[in-house]
Every structure is written in C-alpha cells, then in structure tokens.
Amino acid sequence: MSTAAAPHRVRLALVGAGVIGKHHGRVVGELAGRLELVAVVDLDRERAEQLAGECGGRPYTSLAEALAAEDVDVVTVCTPTGRHGEVAIEALAAGKHVIIEKPAEVTVDKTDEIIAAQRRADTLVAVISQHRFDPATEVVLAAIARGELGRLTSGVASIDWWRGQSYYDSGDWRGTWELDGGGALMNQGVHTVDLLVAALGRPVEVIATTATVAHERIEVEDVAAGVVTFESGALGVLHATTAAYPGLNVRLQVHGDKGSAVIDDDTLTFIHRTPTEGSAEDRAYGSQGESLNQVTDFPEASGLATETAGSNPGSLGSDAHRRQYENFLAALAGEEPLRVDLETNRRSIAVITAVYESARTRRPVRI
C-alpha cells in the first residue's frame, strides 16, 4: 500500500465546513507540526472562507477545484453522511488517502463502493471512531483480548440523549434517510454500536424495532431498541434515543463468565477481571460509580495519563480525535497499523441497517 513519502508536513484538504468540519479543523491545528491544512471545501463558499480563515488553507467550492490547485496528500470528509461516499471515491480516484467522519456511509452497499475504490487506489482510508482511542476502551478491550473476562456472554449499549426539534430543523438533511442514513442509532449511536462490536466480535443476526415519538418532520427514528446475536453466541442489547429529556448518558456494559466492565460517558466506572491462571475471585477493581480510569491502575493505557477521558454526552472533545489522527499519521509513515478502517466501520453499519430492516419487516435479519 502506498504512503505519503515526503518528509514535509502531510497536506490535508477538508471537505465540509459545518460543525464537525470545524472540529476537524481544530484537531488539524493541534497537529500543526505534522499536518498542514491547505484547502477547505464547501458548496457554501462563505462557510469555506470562514473556516479557512480560522484554521488555514484556501477556500474552494469543489474537491476537484481544490485538488487541481493544491498538492494534497489526505482528504478528510465531513459532509452529510449520505454524501461521504461520493467525496471519498472522488478523492480515492485521485490517489489520495482519506479520513471519513463517522459513519462511512448510510448503507453497507455504499460502504462497499468506497472499499472497492480504496482497493483500486491502494491508499489508506480511516473512519472516525474516536472512542476506540479512549483509555477506558483500551483497558476493556485489552482485558477481553487477554481472556480476563472469560467467555463473553452479553453486552448492553445504551445512548440516552435529547435533541430538540430545533436540532432537526437546523438543516434540511437532518432526519432524512438519504443524507442522515437514520436517526438516533445511525447518527448518535454509531460510536457505541462500534464499541459493542469491538468488544463482542462478529455480529450475525439482529431483531429490533424503532419509533418516532417526540419529534416532527423527520423520516427517521428517535427511539430504537434491538438485540444482536454474535458469532460467539453472546447477545447484545441496543438502545438509542434522542427523546430522553434532558439528555442522559452513554453506557457500554460487557459481561463474561469471569468478569464484567462498564464504561459510562467514556469513563471506566466498573471492572472485575480474573487473571487467566486464577480463579474468579482473585481480582476485583472498583464499584459502581467509582471512576477507574486511572492509568496507574491500568498499565495497558500507559502514555495517556494527561488526557481527559470523560466528556459530556454529545460533546466533541478533541483528545480522542487527535489520537486517531495520530494513529493515521503513524500508519502513513509505516510505524503502526491503522486501527480503524472501512471494514471495521462496515460491521457497525451492518448492525444499524439490520436494525432498520428488522423494524420494517418485523423479522430477524441475518448479517
């Protein structure tokens, strides 16, 4: 696979100057020693000019125009979800590396089109799944990999948020199947679905239902509930809503026959793990409500002692985004593997779209 070869700062074009685009612009600025923002692209030239003025680069109204004028190594895609594929494929056809804001696309088929384009281009593509880089996540996944939770039996992913009607009315793409790809589960819940899949493995079947109960003028759900069966036999429970006033937390529970773990709003609040050579009573840490996200307790999260793991529900802390960008840059340099790729994100999209199909058909859906 080809990589950015020159010793210069990696040159990046940012497509999409909305809220998430501005966040990526800030993250790029935090990595100014290694990244250079050379272009900001948005159909609304005024928005492109504003973000370029804040974060650097020149404004453009099309990616084609930006690629013709600038020497670009990486394209970051921050458009509405239903436009991710067309932008990513255009960038890949030009031989560029790509970072896509979550999720990769609105369907598995459209994600597969990006995968096919990547294979033709032989370049790197990462999908933003920044919570994979949280210290709490790293502790739990490391414990699972070592067998310290034993055989995994179940998991619970719950996203209990509130979005007022003004949120959906703020953009004509919000709450649409074409451009948002779904509601509470696809837009707000995709990160937590990703963590459930990371913990429990390959999903094989979904049965679910959805509803729209607290919002008007949207095509998609504001409540979703389902059960995912995994290849190992473990069961996962999904619950996602944007109708939980005033907005509560995001919670992931993972259970096994030798241990359990709970991550609450990015903080590890409970873990009991058993050494593979010991009995189930040998090791326990913490209790409900106690923050366990201390790297002194968990050496597998070493090097992250100065980072803030917790965040408000729905907030856009830059630490985890920056760590994912750092992993991407290290992968470009051949220093470490890319930790979140298209295939990784595809599993989460497959689960979410299976939830929607099951809700429509009232039947279980095989993945």
Protein backbone atom coordinates (compact mmCIF):
# COMPACT_ATOMS: atom_id res chain seq x y z
CA MET A 1 0.00 0.00 0.00
CA SER A 2 1.35 3.41 -0.94
CA THR A 3 2.06 6.04 1.71
CA ALA A 4 2.82 9.75 1.84
CA ALA A 5 6.52 9.62 1.13
CA ALA A 6 7.94 13.11 1.54
CA PRO A 7 9.29 14.43 4.84
CA HIS A 8 7.06 17.50 4.60
CA ARG A 9 4.03 18.04 6.77
CA VAL A 10 1.14 15.93 5.48
CA ARG A 11 -1.09 18.23 3.41
CA LEU A 12 -4.82 17.93 4.04
CA ALA A 13 -7.96 19.08 2.26
CA LEU A 14 -11.05 19.31 4.45
CA VAL A 15 -14.41 18.81 2.71
CA GLY A 16 -17.39 20.11 4.65
CA ALA A 17 -17.20 23.28 6.74
CA GLY A 18 -20.10 22.60 9.10
CA VAL A 19 -19.96 21.83 12.82
CA ILE A 20 -17.93 18.62 12.53
CA GLY A 21 -15.71 20.13 9.84
CA LYS A 22 -14.81 22.96 12.21
CA HIS A 23 -13.94 20.38 14.86
CA HIS A 24 -11.63 18.55 12.46
CA GLY A 25 -10.06 21.89 11.56
CA ARG A 26 -9.23 22.44 15.23
CA VAL A 27 -7.76 18.95 15.55
CA VAL A 28 -5.57 19.55 12.49
CA GLY A 29 -4.41 22.78 14.10
CA GLU A 30 -3.39 20.86 17.23
CA LEU A 31 -1.18 18.70 15.00
CA ALA A 32 0.31 21.64 13.08
CA GLY A 33 3.81 20.25 13.39
CA ARG A 34 2.80 17.23 11.32
CA LEU A 35 -0.29 18.34 9.37
CA GLU A 36 -0.97 21.34 7.16
CA LEU A 37 -4.49 22.34 6.17
CA VAL A 38 -4.12 23.51 2.57
CA ALA A 39 -7.76 23.56 1.40
CA VAL A 40 -11.26 23.91 2.83
CA VAL A 41 -14.09 22.80 0.54
CA ASP A 42 -17.77 23.60 0.94
CA LEU A 43 -20.59 24.24 -1.50
CA ASP A 44 -21.24 27.39 0.51
CA ARG A 45 -18.18 29.48 -0.31
CA GLU A 46 -18.78 31.81 2.62
CA ARG A 47 -18.57 28.89 5.04
CA ALA A 48 -15.41 27.63 3.35
CA GLU A 49 -13.87 31.10 3.60
CA GLN A 50 -14.78 31.41 7.27
CA LEU A 51 -13.25 28.04 8.25
CA ALA A 52 -10.17 28.66 6.11
CA GLY A 53 -9.75 32.00 7.86
CA GLU A 54 -9.96 30.29 11.25
CA CYS A 55 -7.89 27.17 10.58
CA GLY A 56 -5.80 27.81 7.46
CA GLY A 57 -5.84 26.77 3.83
CA ARG A 58 -7.57 28.26 0.83
CA PRO A 59 -11.36 28.07 0.29
CA TYR A 60 -12.90 26.12 -2.59
CA THR A 61 -16.41 25.11 -3.61
CA SER A 62 -15.50 21.70 -5.06
CA LEU A 63 -12.97 19.00 -4.29
CA ALA A 64 -11.98 18.85 -7.96
CA GLU A 65 -11.05 22.54 -7.86
CA ALA A 66 -9.04 22.07 -4.67
CA LEU A 67 -7.14 19.03 -5.98
CA ALA A 68 -6.31 20.85 -9.21
CA ALA A 69 -4.90 23.84 -7.32
CA GLU A 70 -3.24 22.27 -4.28
CA ASP A 71 -0.77 19.49 -3.57
CA VAL A 72 -2.89 17.27 -1.30
CA ASP A 73 -1.94 14.06 0.50
CA VAL A 74 -5.10 13.42 2.55
CA VAL A 75 -8.77 14.34 2.13
CA THR A 76 -10.96 14.49 5.23
CA VAL A 77 -14.67 14.05 4.52
CA CYS A 78 -17.08 15.95 6.81
CA THR A 79 -20.11 16.30 4.55
CA PRO A 80 -23.57 14.96 5.46
CA THR A 81 -23.33 11.16 5.77
CA GLY A 82 -25.18 10.41 2.54
CA ARG A 83 -22.52 12.35 0.61
CA HIS A 84 -19.50 10.64 2.20
CA GLY A 85 -19.18 8.02 -0.50
CA GLU A 86 -19.14 10.31 -3.50
CA VAL A 87 -16.50 12.57 -1.93
CA ALA A 88 -14.35 9.69 -0.68
CA ILE A 89 -14.48 7.92 -4.04
CA GLU A 90 -13.51 11.13 -5.87
CA ALA A 91 -10.53 11.55 -3.55
CA LEU A 92 -9.51 7.90 -3.93
CA ALA A 93 -9.76 8.12 -7.72
CA ALA A 94 -7.22 10.95 -7.46
CA GLY A 95 -4.90 8.68 -5.48
CA LYS A 96 -5.39 10.40 -2.12
CA HIS A 97 -5.54 8.98 1.38
CA VAL A 98 -8.89 9.58 3.08
CA ILE A 99 -10.30 10.16 6.57
CA ILE A 100 -14.10 9.90 6.78
CA GLU A 101 -16.18 11.22 9.66
CA LYS A 102 -18.44 8.52 11.06
CA PRO A 103 -20.22 6.57 9.70
CA ALA A 104 -18.59 5.74 6.38
CA GLU A 105 -21.91 5.81 4.55
CA VAL A 106 -25.62 5.22 5.04
CA THR A 107 -25.74 1.62 3.75
CA VAL A 108 -23.49 -1.41 3.54
CA ASP A 109 -23.63 -1.33 -0.28
CA LYS A 110 -22.42 2.28 -0.40
CA THR A 111 -19.68 1.44 2.09
CA ASP A 112 -18.63 -1.44 -0.16
CA GLU A 113 -18.31 1.01 -3.04
CA ILE A 114 -15.79 3.01 -1.01
CA ILE A 115 -13.95 -0.21 -0.12
CA ALA A 116 -13.73 -1.13 -3.82
CA ALA A 117 -12.40 2.35 -4.65
CA GLN A 118 -9.80 2.06 -1.90
CA ARG A 119 -8.58 -1.26 -3.26
CA ARG A 120 -8.16 0.32 -6.69
CA ALA A 121 -6.31 3.31 -5.23
CA ASP A 122 -4.16 1.27 -2.80
CA THR A 123 -4.23 4.11 -0.27
CA LEU A 124 -5.26 4.38 3.38
CA VAL A 125 -8.83 5.08 4.49
CA ALA A 126 -9.80 5.60 8.13
CA VAL A 127 -13.28 6.15 9.52
CA ILE A 128 -13.50 8.31 12.61
CA SER A 129 -14.30 6.07 15.58
CA GLN A 130 -12.52 8.14 18.17
CA HIS A 131 -13.89 6.30 21.19
CA ARG A 132 -11.77 3.30 20.25
CA PHE A 133 -8.90 5.50 21.41
CA ASP A 134 -10.36 6.35 24.82
CA PRO A 135 -8.26 4.98 27.71
CA ALA A 136 -11.38 3.25 29.10
CA THR A 137 -11.95 1.41 25.83
CA GLU A 138 -8.32 0.35 25.61
CA VAL A 139 -8.45 -1.11 29.14
CA VAL A 140 -11.60 -3.13 28.43
CA LEU A 141 -10.52 -4.42 25.01
CA ALA A 142 -7.12 -5.40 26.42
CA ALA A 143 -8.79 -7.34 29.25
CA ILE A 144 -11.01 -9.12 26.73
CA ALA A 145 -8.05 -9.97 24.50
CA ARG A 146 -6.22 -11.50 27.46
CA GLY A 147 -9.24 -13.58 28.39
CA GLU A 148 -9.69 -11.83 31.74
CA LEU A 149 -13.47 -11.52 31.32
CA GLY A 150 -13.67 -15.19 30.37
CA ARG A 151 -16.20 -16.25 27.77
CA LEU A 152 -18.20 -13.18 26.79
CA THR A 153 -21.89 -13.66 27.42
CA SER A 154 -23.61 -10.34 26.77
CA GLY A 155 -23.31 -6.62 26.30
CA VAL A 156 -25.51 -3.55 26.57
CA ALA A 157 -25.11 -0.37 24.52
CA SER A 158 -27.35 2.50 25.58
CA ILE A 159 -27.44 6.06 24.24
CA ASP A 160 -29.93 8.20 26.18
CA TRP A 161 -29.78 11.65 24.62
CA TRP A 162 -32.08 14.55 23.85
CA ARG A 163 -32.26 16.52 20.64
CA GLY A 164 -34.83 19.30 20.46
CA GLN A 165 -36.95 19.88 17.38
CA SER A 166 -34.67 22.80 16.52
CA TYR A 167 -31.79 20.36 16.01
CA TYR A 168 -33.65 18.56 13.22
CA ASP A 169 -34.99 21.81 11.77
CA SER A 170 -31.48 23.32 11.59
CA GLY A 171 -30.58 21.51 8.36
CA ASP A 172 -32.76 20.07 5.63
CA TRP A 173 -30.59 16.94 5.56
CA ARG A 174 -31.09 16.13 9.25
CA GLY A 175 -33.52 13.35 9.96
CA THR A 176 -33.59 12.09 6.36
CA TRP A 177 -32.83 8.59 5.16
CA GLU A 178 -30.91 9.84 2.12
CA LEU A 179 -28.42 12.08 3.89
CA ASP A 180 -28.56 11.15 7.60
CA GLY A 181 -28.97 7.43 6.98
CA GLY A 182 -31.07 7.01 10.10
CA GLY A 183 -31.80 8.70 13.37
CA ALA A 184 -30.79 8.09 16.98
CA LEU A 185 -28.98 4.85 16.20
CA MET A 186 -27.13 5.80 13.00
CA ASN A 187 -26.31 9.39 13.86
CA GLN A 188 -25.91 9.49 17.63
CA GLY A 189 -25.46 5.78 18.43
CA VAL A 190 -22.94 4.62 15.84
CA HIS A 191 -19.95 5.10 18.15
CA THR A 192 -21.45 2.96 20.91
CA VAL A 193 -22.52 0.30 18.42
CA ASP A 194 -18.92 0.30 17.21
CA LEU A 195 -17.65 -0.31 20.75
CA LEU A 196 -20.15 -3.12 21.31
CA VAL A 197 -18.94 -4.79 18.11
CA ALA A 198 -15.30 -4.20 19.06
CA ALA A 199 -15.93 -5.96 22.36
CA LEU A 200 -18.19 -8.85 21.33
CA GLY A 201 -16.93 -9.67 17.84
CA ARG A 202 -18.73 -10.50 14.60
CA PRO A 203 -22.49 -9.87 14.64
CA VAL A 204 -24.65 -12.43 12.82
CA GLU A 205 -28.30 -11.55 13.49
CA VAL A 206 -30.45 -8.62 14.61
CA ILE A 207 -34.04 -8.29 15.74
CA ALA A 208 -35.28 -4.81 16.53
CA THR A 209 -37.96 -2.16 16.44
CA THR A 210 -37.91 1.63 16.10
CA ALA A 211 -40.28 4.53 16.66
CA THR A 212 -40.58 8.29 16.17
CA VAL A 213 -42.37 9.60 19.23
CA ALA A 214 -41.03 13.03 20.24
CA HIS A 215 -40.16 14.84 17.00
CA GLU A 216 -41.95 16.09 13.90
CA ARG A 217 -40.97 16.43 10.26
CA ILE A 218 -38.30 13.70 10.34
CA GLU A 219 -38.24 10.46 8.39
CA VAL A 220 -36.08 8.54 10.85
CA GLU A 221 -36.37 7.15 14.37
CA ASP A 222 -35.85 8.94 17.65
CA VAL A 223 -36.03 5.64 19.58
CA ALA A 224 -34.51 2.28 18.62
CA ALA A 225 -34.26 -0.97 20.57
CA GLY A 226 -32.87 -4.30 19.47
CA VAL A 227 -30.97 -7.48 20.24
CA VAL A 228 -27.83 -8.52 18.36
CA THR A 229 -26.62 -12.13 18.28
CA PHE A 230 -22.86 -12.52 17.87
CA GLU A 231 -20.93 -15.36 16.29
CA SER A 232 -19.65 -16.42 19.72
CA GLY A 233 -23.20 -16.85 21.00
CA ALA A 234 -23.08 -13.66 23.08
CA LEU A 235 -26.11 -11.38 22.99
CA GLY A 236 -26.00 -7.60 22.75
CA VAL A 237 -28.80 -5.21 23.69
CA LEU A 238 -29.06 -1.91 21.79
CA HIS A 239 -31.00 1.13 22.96
CA ALA A 240 -30.66 4.55 21.35
CA THR A 241 -32.82 7.61 21.65
CA THR A 242 -32.80 11.35 21.10
CA ALA A 243 -36.05 11.58 23.07
CA ALA A 244 -34.70 11.25 26.63
CA TYR A 245 -35.11 14.74 28.06
CA PRO A 246 -32.93 16.46 29.26
CA GLY A 247 -30.30 14.07 27.86
CA LEU A 248 -28.55 11.48 29.98
CA ASN A 249 -25.53 9.30 29.37
CA VAL A 250 -23.93 6.83 27.02
CA ARG A 251 -23.22 3.47 28.61
CA LEU A 252 -21.50 0.29 27.47
CA GLN A 253 -21.60 -2.87 29.58
CA VAL A 254 -19.65 -6.01 28.70
CA HIS A 255 -20.17 -9.23 30.65
CA GLY A 256 -18.34 -12.53 30.73
CA ASP A 257 -18.23 -15.60 32.95
CA LYS A 258 -15.06 -14.34 34.70
CA GLY A 259 -15.56 -10.59 34.70
CA SER A 260 -17.53 -7.54 33.63
CA ALA A 261 -16.84 -3.94 32.68
CA VAL A 262 -18.88 -0.75 32.46
CA ILE A 263 -17.94 2.39 30.54
CA ASP A 264 -20.16 5.36 31.36
CA ASP A 265 -19.71 8.55 29.32
CA ASP A 266 -16.21 7.46 28.26
CA THR A 267 -15.15 6.72 31.86
CA LEU A 268 -14.46 3.22 33.15
CA THR A 269 -16.75 3.03 36.20
CA PHE A 270 -16.57 -0.70 36.91
CA ILE A 271 -14.30 -3.58 36.04
CA HIS A 272 -13.87 -7.03 37.56
CA ARG A 273 -11.38 -9.20 35.70
CA THR A 274 -9.82 -12.54 36.53
CA PRO A 275 -6.26 -13.47 35.54
CA THR A 276 -6.35 -16.35 33.08
CA GLU A 277 -4.38 -18.52 35.52
CA GLY A 278 -6.53 -17.59 38.57
CA SER A 279 -9.97 -18.25 39.98
CA ALA A 280 -12.88 -15.89 39.52
CA GLU A 281 -12.40 -14.37 42.98
CA ASP A 282 -8.76 -13.36 42.56
CA ARG A 283 -9.10 -9.83 41.29
CA ALA A 284 -11.66 -7.07 41.54
CA TYR A 285 -11.46 -3.34 40.99
CA GLY A 286 -13.90 -0.65 41.97
CA SER A 287 -17.60 -0.36 42.42
CA GLN A 288 -20.50 1.25 40.65
CA GLY A 289 -20.00 4.99 40.37
CA GLU A 290 -16.27 4.97 41.13
CA SER A 291 -14.07 6.32 38.37
CA LEU A 292 -11.48 3.70 37.46
CA ASN A 293 -9.94 5.46 34.52
CA GLN A 294 -6.56 5.87 36.22
CA VAL A 295 -3.63 4.80 34.09
CA THR A 296 -1.69 3.92 37.24
CA ASP A 297 -4.22 1.13 37.81
CA PHE A 298 -4.19 0.04 34.17
CA PRO A 299 -0.77 -0.09 32.50
CA GLU A 300 -2.36 -1.01 29.15
CA ALA A 301 -3.49 2.64 28.99
CA SER A 302 0.02 3.94 29.65
CA GLY A 303 1.07 7.17 27.99
CA LEU A 304 -2.39 8.67 28.34
CA ALA A 305 -2.14 9.94 31.91
CA THR A 306 -2.52 13.58 30.93
CA GLU A 307 -5.58 13.02 28.73
CA THR A 308 -9.14 13.65 29.85
CA ALA A 309 -11.25 10.56 29.29
CA GLY A 310 -14.66 11.83 30.33
CA SER A 311 -16.92 14.13 28.35
CA ASN A 312 -20.43 15.48 28.31
CA PRO A 313 -22.92 13.42 26.32
CA GLY A 314 -22.64 14.59 22.76
CA SER A 315 -19.61 16.77 23.33
CA LEU A 316 -16.75 16.94 20.85
CA GLY A 317 -13.61 16.63 22.93
CA SER A 318 -10.55 16.72 20.70
CA ASP A 319 -8.27 14.35 22.60
CA ALA A 320 -9.61 11.09 21.15
CA HIS A 321 -9.98 12.61 17.67
CA ARG A 322 -6.38 13.73 17.88
CA ARG A 323 -5.22 10.27 18.92
CA GLN A 324 -7.00 8.77 15.93
CA TYR A 325 -5.34 11.32 13.64
CA GLU A 326 -2.00 10.43 15.24
CA ASN A 327 -2.65 6.75 14.50
CA PHE A 328 -3.47 7.66 10.90
CA LEU A 329 -0.25 9.63 10.53
CA ALA A 330 1.75 6.77 12.07
CA ALA A 331 0.12 4.35 9.63
CA LEU A 332 1.05 6.63 6.73
CA ALA A 333 4.65 6.54 7.95
CA GLY A 334 4.57 2.75 8.30
CA GLU A 335 5.11 2.99 12.05
CA GLU A 336 1.96 1.21 13.24
CA PRO A 337 -1.16 -0.39 11.79
CA LEU A 338 -4.30 1.57 11.07
CA ARG A 339 -6.60 0.79 13.98
CA VAL A 340 -9.97 1.73 12.44
CA ASP A 341 -10.56 1.08 8.76
CA LEU A 342 -13.51 0.73 6.42
CA GLU A 343 -14.01 -2.95 7.18
CA THR A 344 -14.18 -2.15 10.90
CA ASN A 345 -16.85 0.51 10.37
CA ARG A 346 -18.75 -1.71 7.94
CA ARG A 347 -19.72 -4.07 10.77
CA SER A 348 -21.32 -1.25 12.72
CA ILE A 349 -23.20 -0.03 9.65
CA ALA A 350 -24.38 -3.60 9.01
CA VAL A 351 -25.80 -3.83 12.54
CA ILE A 352 -27.55 -0.46 12.31
CA THR A 353 -29.07 -1.05 8.88
CA ALA A 354 -30.17 -4.52 10.02
CA VAL A 355 -32.00 -2.82 12.92
CA TYR A 356 -33.86 -0.67 10.40
CA GLU A 357 -34.68 -3.63 8.15
CA SER A 358 -35.90 -5.67 11.10
CA ALA A 359 -38.07 -2.78 12.27
CA ARG A 360 -39.62 -2.51 8.80
CA THR A 361 -40.18 -6.23 8.28
CA ARG A 362 -40.83 -7.26 11.89
CA ARG A 363 -38.46 -10.16 11.32
CA PRO A 364 -34.96 -11.12 12.42
CA VAL A 365 -32.28 -10.08 9.92
CA ARG A 366 -29.13 -12.10 9.24
CA ILE A 367 -25.94 -10.12 8.71
